[in-house]
Amino acid sequence: MIVVIKHLFRRNYVGLSLWPFIILKNNDLKSDIVLINHEKIHLRQQLELLILPFYVLYIAEWLFRSFFYLSFYRGYQNISFEREAYANEHNLNYTNERGVFDFIKYL
């Protein structure tokens, strides 16, 4: 389910996935198939980790990588979940093709 919440996002962030929702910054983004695919990859990651552990691992990895890179943004860019989603967002069949726990390849 896709919902729009305009005031949730800052700077260049335009979408996020919170099981079972894809939340977007504006209605126009609903037609951005690459963004929607990116967020669907995150929904798949969340589901395979039974949702709550996904968020715990995501935040823990973000904090670790932010400390390592001395930058919250660089830390975000290097989270394994994000790396998998960015690497495969243009492959619209990826959620059907990916194996379970494929994000581990991006650690």
N, C-alpha and C. Protein backbone atom coordinates (compact mmCIF):
# COMPACT_ATOMS: atom_id res chain seq x y z
N MET A 1 0.84 -1.17 0.00
CA MET A 1 0.00 0.00 0.00
C MET A 1 0.89 1.24 0.00
N ILE A 2 0.60 2.18 -0.87
CA ILE A 2 1.38 3.40 -0.98
C ILE A 2 0.59 4.55 -0.38
N VAL A 3 1.24 5.30 0.51
CA VAL A 3 0.63 6.49 1.11
C VAL A 3 1.57 7.68 0.92
N VAL A 4 1.00 8.87 0.94
CA VAL A 4 1.78 10.10 0.78
C VAL A 4 1.70 10.90 2.07
N ILE A 5 2.87 11.23 2.61
CA ILE A 5 2.97 12.10 3.80
C ILE A 5 4.04 13.13 3.47
N LYS A 6 3.61 14.31 3.09
CA LYS A 6 4.51 15.34 2.57
C LYS A 6 5.53 15.84 3.59
N HIS A 7 5.14 15.96 4.83
CA HIS A 7 5.99 16.63 5.82
C HIS A 7 6.89 15.67 6.60
N LEU A 8 6.96 14.43 6.19
CA LEU A 8 7.77 13.44 6.88
C LEU A 8 9.24 13.49 6.45
N PHE A 9 9.50 14.00 5.25
CA PHE A 9 10.82 13.88 4.65
C PHE A 9 11.60 15.20 4.67
N ARG A 10 12.92 15.04 4.78
CA ARG A 10 13.82 16.18 4.71
C ARG A 10 14.79 15.98 3.55
N ARG A 11 15.32 17.05 3.07
CA ARG A 11 16.36 17.06 2.04
C ARG A 11 15.99 16.19 0.85
N ASN A 12 16.91 15.31 0.45
CA ASN A 12 16.72 14.52 -0.77
C ASN A 12 15.93 13.23 -0.56
N TYR A 13 15.52 12.95 0.64
CA TYR A 13 14.77 11.71 0.90
C TYR A 13 13.34 11.89 0.41
N VAL A 14 12.87 10.91 -0.35
CA VAL A 14 11.54 11.03 -0.95
C VAL A 14 10.64 9.83 -0.67
N GLY A 15 11.19 8.76 -0.11
CA GLY A 15 10.38 7.58 0.15
C GLY A 15 11.00 6.70 1.21
N LEU A 16 10.15 5.91 1.84
CA LEU A 16 10.61 4.91 2.80
C LEU A 16 9.57 3.82 2.92
N SER A 17 10.03 2.70 3.42
CA SER A 17 9.14 1.55 3.60
C SER A 17 9.03 1.24 5.07
N LEU A 18 7.82 1.21 5.56
CA LEU A 18 7.50 0.77 6.91
C LEU A 18 6.41 -0.28 6.75
N TRP A 19 6.79 -1.54 6.94
CA TRP A 19 5.89 -2.64 6.66
C TRP A 19 4.48 -2.36 7.16
N PRO A 20 3.47 -2.49 6.34
CA PRO A 20 3.39 -2.92 4.95
C PRO A 20 3.25 -1.75 3.98
N PHE A 21 3.68 -0.56 4.40
CA PHE A 21 3.45 0.65 3.62
C PHE A 21 4.72 1.13 2.91
N ILE A 22 4.51 1.75 1.75
CA ILE A 22 5.53 2.56 1.10
C ILE A 22 5.03 3.99 1.28
N ILE A 23 5.84 4.80 1.91
CA ILE A 23 5.46 6.19 2.21
C ILE A 23 6.28 7.10 1.30
N LEU A 24 5.60 7.98 0.58
CA LEU A 24 6.24 8.86 -0.38
C LEU A 24 6.03 10.32 0.00
N LYS A 25 6.92 11.17 -0.51
CA LYS A 25 6.88 12.60 -0.22
C LYS A 25 5.75 13.31 -0.97
N ASN A 26 5.44 12.85 -2.20
CA ASN A 26 4.35 13.48 -2.95
C ASN A 26 3.72 12.48 -3.93
N ASN A 27 2.56 12.83 -4.43
CA ASN A 27 1.79 11.95 -5.32
C ASN A 27 2.52 11.63 -6.62
N ASP A 28 3.28 12.57 -7.13
CA ASP A 28 3.97 12.36 -8.40
C ASP A 28 4.93 11.17 -8.34
N LEU A 29 5.45 10.87 -7.16
CA LEU A 29 6.41 9.79 -7.00
C LEU A 29 5.79 8.40 -7.17
N LYS A 30 4.46 8.33 -7.12
CA LYS A 30 3.80 7.04 -7.33
C LYS A 30 4.09 6.45 -8.70
N SER A 31 4.43 7.30 -9.65
CA SER A 31 4.72 6.83 -11.01
C SER A 31 6.21 6.55 -11.23
N ASP A 32 7.04 6.75 -10.22
CA ASP A 32 8.48 6.49 -10.32
C ASP A 32 8.71 5.00 -10.04
N ILE A 33 8.76 4.21 -11.11
CA ILE A 33 8.83 2.75 -10.94
C ILE A 33 10.14 2.29 -10.29
N VAL A 34 11.21 3.03 -10.51
CA VAL A 34 12.49 2.66 -9.89
C VAL A 34 12.42 2.88 -8.39
N LEU A 35 11.89 4.01 -7.97
CA LEU A 35 11.73 4.29 -6.53
C LEU A 35 10.81 3.26 -5.88
N ILE A 36 9.70 2.97 -6.51
CA ILE A 36 8.75 2.00 -5.96
C ILE A 36 9.42 0.63 -5.87
N ASN A 37 10.19 0.25 -6.87
CA ASN A 37 10.90 -1.03 -6.83
C ASN A 37 11.91 -1.05 -5.69
N HIS A 38 12.65 0.05 -5.51
CA HIS A 38 13.61 0.16 -4.42
C HIS A 38 12.90 -0.09 -3.08
N GLU A 39 11.76 0.54 -2.89
CA GLU A 39 11.02 0.38 -1.64
C GLU A 39 10.43 -1.03 -1.50
N LYS A 40 10.04 -1.63 -2.61
CA LYS A 40 9.54 -3.01 -2.56
C LYS A 40 10.64 -3.98 -2.13
N ILE A 41 11.86 -3.70 -2.54
CA ILE A 41 13.00 -4.52 -2.09
C ILE A 41 13.11 -4.43 -0.58
N HIS A 42 12.95 -3.23 -0.03
CA HIS A 42 12.99 -3.07 1.42
C HIS A 42 11.84 -3.82 2.11
N LEU A 43 10.67 -3.79 1.52
CA LEU A 43 9.54 -4.54 2.10
C LEU A 43 9.86 -6.02 2.15
N ARG A 44 10.49 -6.53 1.10
CA ARG A 44 10.87 -7.94 1.07
C ARG A 44 11.91 -8.26 2.15
N GLN A 45 12.88 -7.36 2.32
CA GLN A 45 13.89 -7.53 3.37
C GLN A 45 13.23 -7.55 4.75
N GLN A 46 12.29 -6.63 4.95
CA GLN A 46 11.60 -6.55 6.23
C GLN A 46 10.83 -7.82 6.52
N LEU A 47 10.14 -8.33 5.52
CA LEU A 47 9.34 -9.53 5.69
C LEU A 47 10.20 -10.75 6.01
N GLU A 48 11.31 -10.91 5.31
CA GLU A 48 12.15 -12.09 5.55
C GLU A 48 12.82 -12.06 6.91
N LEU A 49 12.99 -10.88 7.48
CA LEU A 49 13.58 -10.77 8.82
C LEU A 49 12.50 -10.61 9.91
N LEU A 50 11.26 -10.87 9.53
CA LEU A 50 10.12 -10.80 10.46
C LEU A 50 9.92 -9.40 11.03
N ILE A 51 10.17 -8.42 10.23
CA ILE A 51 9.89 -7.00 10.41
C ILE A 51 10.71 -6.33 11.51
N LEU A 52 10.43 -6.58 12.75
CA LEU A 52 11.13 -5.87 13.84
C LEU A 52 12.64 -6.08 13.82
N PRO A 53 13.15 -7.30 13.65
CA PRO A 53 14.61 -7.47 13.57
C PRO A 53 15.24 -6.68 12.41
N PHE A 54 14.49 -6.48 11.33
CA PHE A 54 15.00 -5.67 10.23
C PHE A 54 15.35 -4.27 10.73
N TYR A 55 14.43 -3.65 11.45
CA TYR A 55 14.65 -2.28 11.92
C TYR A 55 15.80 -2.22 12.93
N VAL A 56 15.91 -3.21 13.77
CA VAL A 56 17.01 -3.26 14.75
C VAL A 56 18.34 -3.36 14.02
N LEU A 57 18.43 -4.29 13.05
CA LEU A 57 19.66 -4.45 12.28
C LEU A 57 19.97 -3.22 11.44
N TYR A 58 18.95 -2.63 10.84
CA TYR A 58 19.12 -1.45 9.99
C TYR A 58 19.73 -0.31 10.81
N ILE A 59 19.16 -0.03 11.96
CA ILE A 59 19.65 1.06 12.80
C ILE A 59 21.04 0.76 13.35
N ALA A 60 21.26 -0.48 13.78
CA ALA A 60 22.57 -0.86 14.30
C ALA A 60 23.64 -0.73 13.22
N GLU A 61 23.35 -1.19 12.02
CA GLU A 61 24.33 -1.10 10.94
C GLU A 61 24.56 0.36 10.54
N TRP A 62 23.51 1.15 10.53
CA TRP A 62 23.64 2.58 10.20
C TRP A 62 24.54 3.28 11.22
N LEU A 63 24.32 3.01 12.50
CA LEU A 63 25.16 3.63 13.53
C LEU A 63 26.61 3.18 13.41
N PHE A 64 26.83 1.88 13.21
CA PHE A 64 28.18 1.37 13.06
C PHE A 64 28.89 2.00 11.86
N ARG A 65 28.21 2.00 10.72
CA ARG A 65 28.83 2.53 9.50
C ARG A 65 28.99 4.05 9.57
N SER A 66 28.09 4.74 10.24
CA SER A 66 28.23 6.19 10.42
C SER A 66 29.47 6.50 11.26
N PHE A 67 29.70 5.71 12.28
CA PHE A 67 30.90 5.87 13.09
C PHE A 67 32.14 5.56 12.26
N PHE A 68 32.08 4.48 11.48
CA PHE A 68 33.21 4.07 10.66
C PHE A 68 33.57 5.13 9.62
N TYR A 69 32.56 5.70 8.93
CA TYR A 69 32.78 6.69 7.88
C TYR A 69 32.79 8.13 8.41
N LEU A 70 32.48 8.30 9.68
CA LEU A 70 32.40 9.64 10.30
C LEU A 70 31.40 10.53 9.58
N SER A 71 30.31 9.91 9.12
CA SER A 71 29.27 10.63 8.38
C SER A 71 27.98 9.82 8.43
N PHE A 72 26.90 10.46 8.88
CA PHE A 72 25.62 9.77 8.92
C PHE A 72 25.15 9.42 7.51
N TYR A 73 25.38 10.32 6.55
CA TYR A 73 24.93 10.05 5.19
C TYR A 73 25.74 8.93 4.55
N ARG A 74 27.05 8.94 4.70
CA ARG A 74 27.87 7.85 4.16
C ARG A 74 27.53 6.54 4.86
N GLY A 75 27.22 6.62 6.15
CA GLY A 75 26.80 5.42 6.87
C GLY A 75 25.53 4.86 6.26
N TYR A 76 24.56 5.73 5.99
CA TYR A 76 23.30 5.32 5.35
C TYR A 76 23.56 4.68 4.00
N GLN A 77 24.42 5.30 3.19
CA GLN A 77 24.69 4.79 1.85
C GLN A 77 25.31 3.39 1.87
N ASN A 78 25.95 3.03 2.96
CA ASN A 78 26.66 1.76 3.03
C ASN A 78 25.97 0.69 3.87
N ILE A 79 24.75 0.94 4.29
CA ILE A 79 23.96 -0.10 4.96
C ILE A 79 23.70 -1.21 3.94
N SER A 80 23.90 -2.44 4.32
CA SER A 80 23.74 -3.55 3.38
C SER A 80 22.35 -3.58 2.73
N PHE A 81 21.32 -3.24 3.49
CA PHE A 81 19.96 -3.23 2.94
C PHE A 81 19.84 -2.18 1.83
N GLU A 82 20.45 -1.01 2.06
CA GLU A 82 20.40 0.05 1.05
C GLU A 82 21.26 -0.31 -0.15
N ARG A 83 22.41 -0.88 0.08
CA ARG A 83 23.28 -1.26 -1.02
C ARG A 83 22.60 -2.27 -1.94
N GLU A 84 21.91 -3.24 -1.34
CA GLU A 84 21.17 -4.21 -2.15
C GLU A 84 20.07 -3.51 -2.94
N ALA A 85 19.31 -2.65 -2.29
CA ALA A 85 18.19 -1.98 -2.96
C ALA A 85 18.68 -1.06 -4.08
N TYR A 86 19.72 -0.28 -3.83
CA TYR A 86 20.24 0.60 -4.88
C TYR A 86 20.84 -0.19 -6.03
N ALA A 87 21.53 -1.26 -5.75
CA ALA A 87 22.17 -2.06 -6.80
C ALA A 87 21.15 -2.73 -7.71
N ASN A 88 19.95 -2.97 -7.21
CA ASN A 88 18.96 -3.75 -7.96
C ASN A 88 17.66 -3.01 -8.26
N GLU A 89 17.59 -1.73 -7.95
CA GLU A 89 16.34 -0.99 -8.12
C GLU A 89 15.89 -0.88 -9.58
N HIS A 90 16.80 -0.98 -10.52
CA HIS A 90 16.43 -0.90 -11.94
C HIS A 90 15.97 -2.25 -12.51
N ASN A 91 16.20 -3.31 -11.78
CA ASN A 91 15.74 -4.64 -12.19
C ASN A 91 14.35 -4.86 -11.60
N LEU A 92 13.34 -4.64 -12.41
CA LEU A 92 11.96 -4.68 -11.92
C LEU A 92 11.50 -6.09 -11.55
N ASN A 93 12.28 -7.11 -11.89
CA ASN A 93 11.95 -8.48 -11.51
C ASN A 93 12.75 -8.94 -10.29
N TYR A 94 13.54 -8.06 -9.72
CA TYR A 94 14.46 -8.47 -8.67
C TYR A 94 13.76 -9.10 -7.46
N THR A 95 12.64 -8.56 -7.04
CA THR A 95 11.97 -9.13 -5.86
C THR A 95 11.50 -10.55 -6.10
N ASN A 96 11.29 -10.91 -7.35
CA ASN A 96 10.92 -12.29 -7.68
C ASN A 96 12.14 -13.19 -7.83
N GLU A 97 13.27 -12.61 -8.17
CA GLU A 97 14.49 -13.37 -8.45
C GLU A 97 15.40 -13.54 -7.24
N ARG A 98 15.34 -12.60 -6.30
CA ARG A 98 16.32 -12.59 -5.21
C ARG A 98 16.12 -13.77 -4.28
N GLY A 99 17.23 -14.21 -3.72
CA GLY A 99 17.17 -15.28 -2.74
C GLY A 99 16.93 -14.72 -1.34
N VAL A 100 16.59 -15.59 -0.45
CA VAL A 100 16.37 -15.19 0.95
C VAL A 100 17.68 -14.72 1.53
N PHE A 101 17.63 -13.62 2.26
CA PHE A 101 18.80 -13.02 2.91
C PHE A 101 19.89 -12.59 1.94
N ASP A 102 19.52 -12.22 0.72
CA ASP A 102 20.51 -11.76 -0.25
C ASP A 102 21.20 -10.47 0.17
N PHE A 103 20.64 -9.73 1.10
CA PHE A 103 21.30 -8.51 1.57
C PHE A 103 22.66 -8.81 2.18
N ILE A 104 22.87 -10.06 2.64
CA ILE A 104 24.14 -10.46 3.26
C ILE A 104 25.29 -10.30 2.27
N LYS A 105 25.02 -10.46 0.99
CA LYS A 105 26.05 -10.29 -0.03
C LYS A 105 26.61 -8.87 -0.05
N TYR A 106 25.86 -7.93 0.52
CA TYR A 106 26.25 -6.52 0.47
C TYR A 106 26.85 -6.02 1.78
N LEU A 107 27.10 -6.94 2.70
CA LEU A 107 27.75 -6.54 3.96
C LEU A 107 29.17 -6.13 3.66
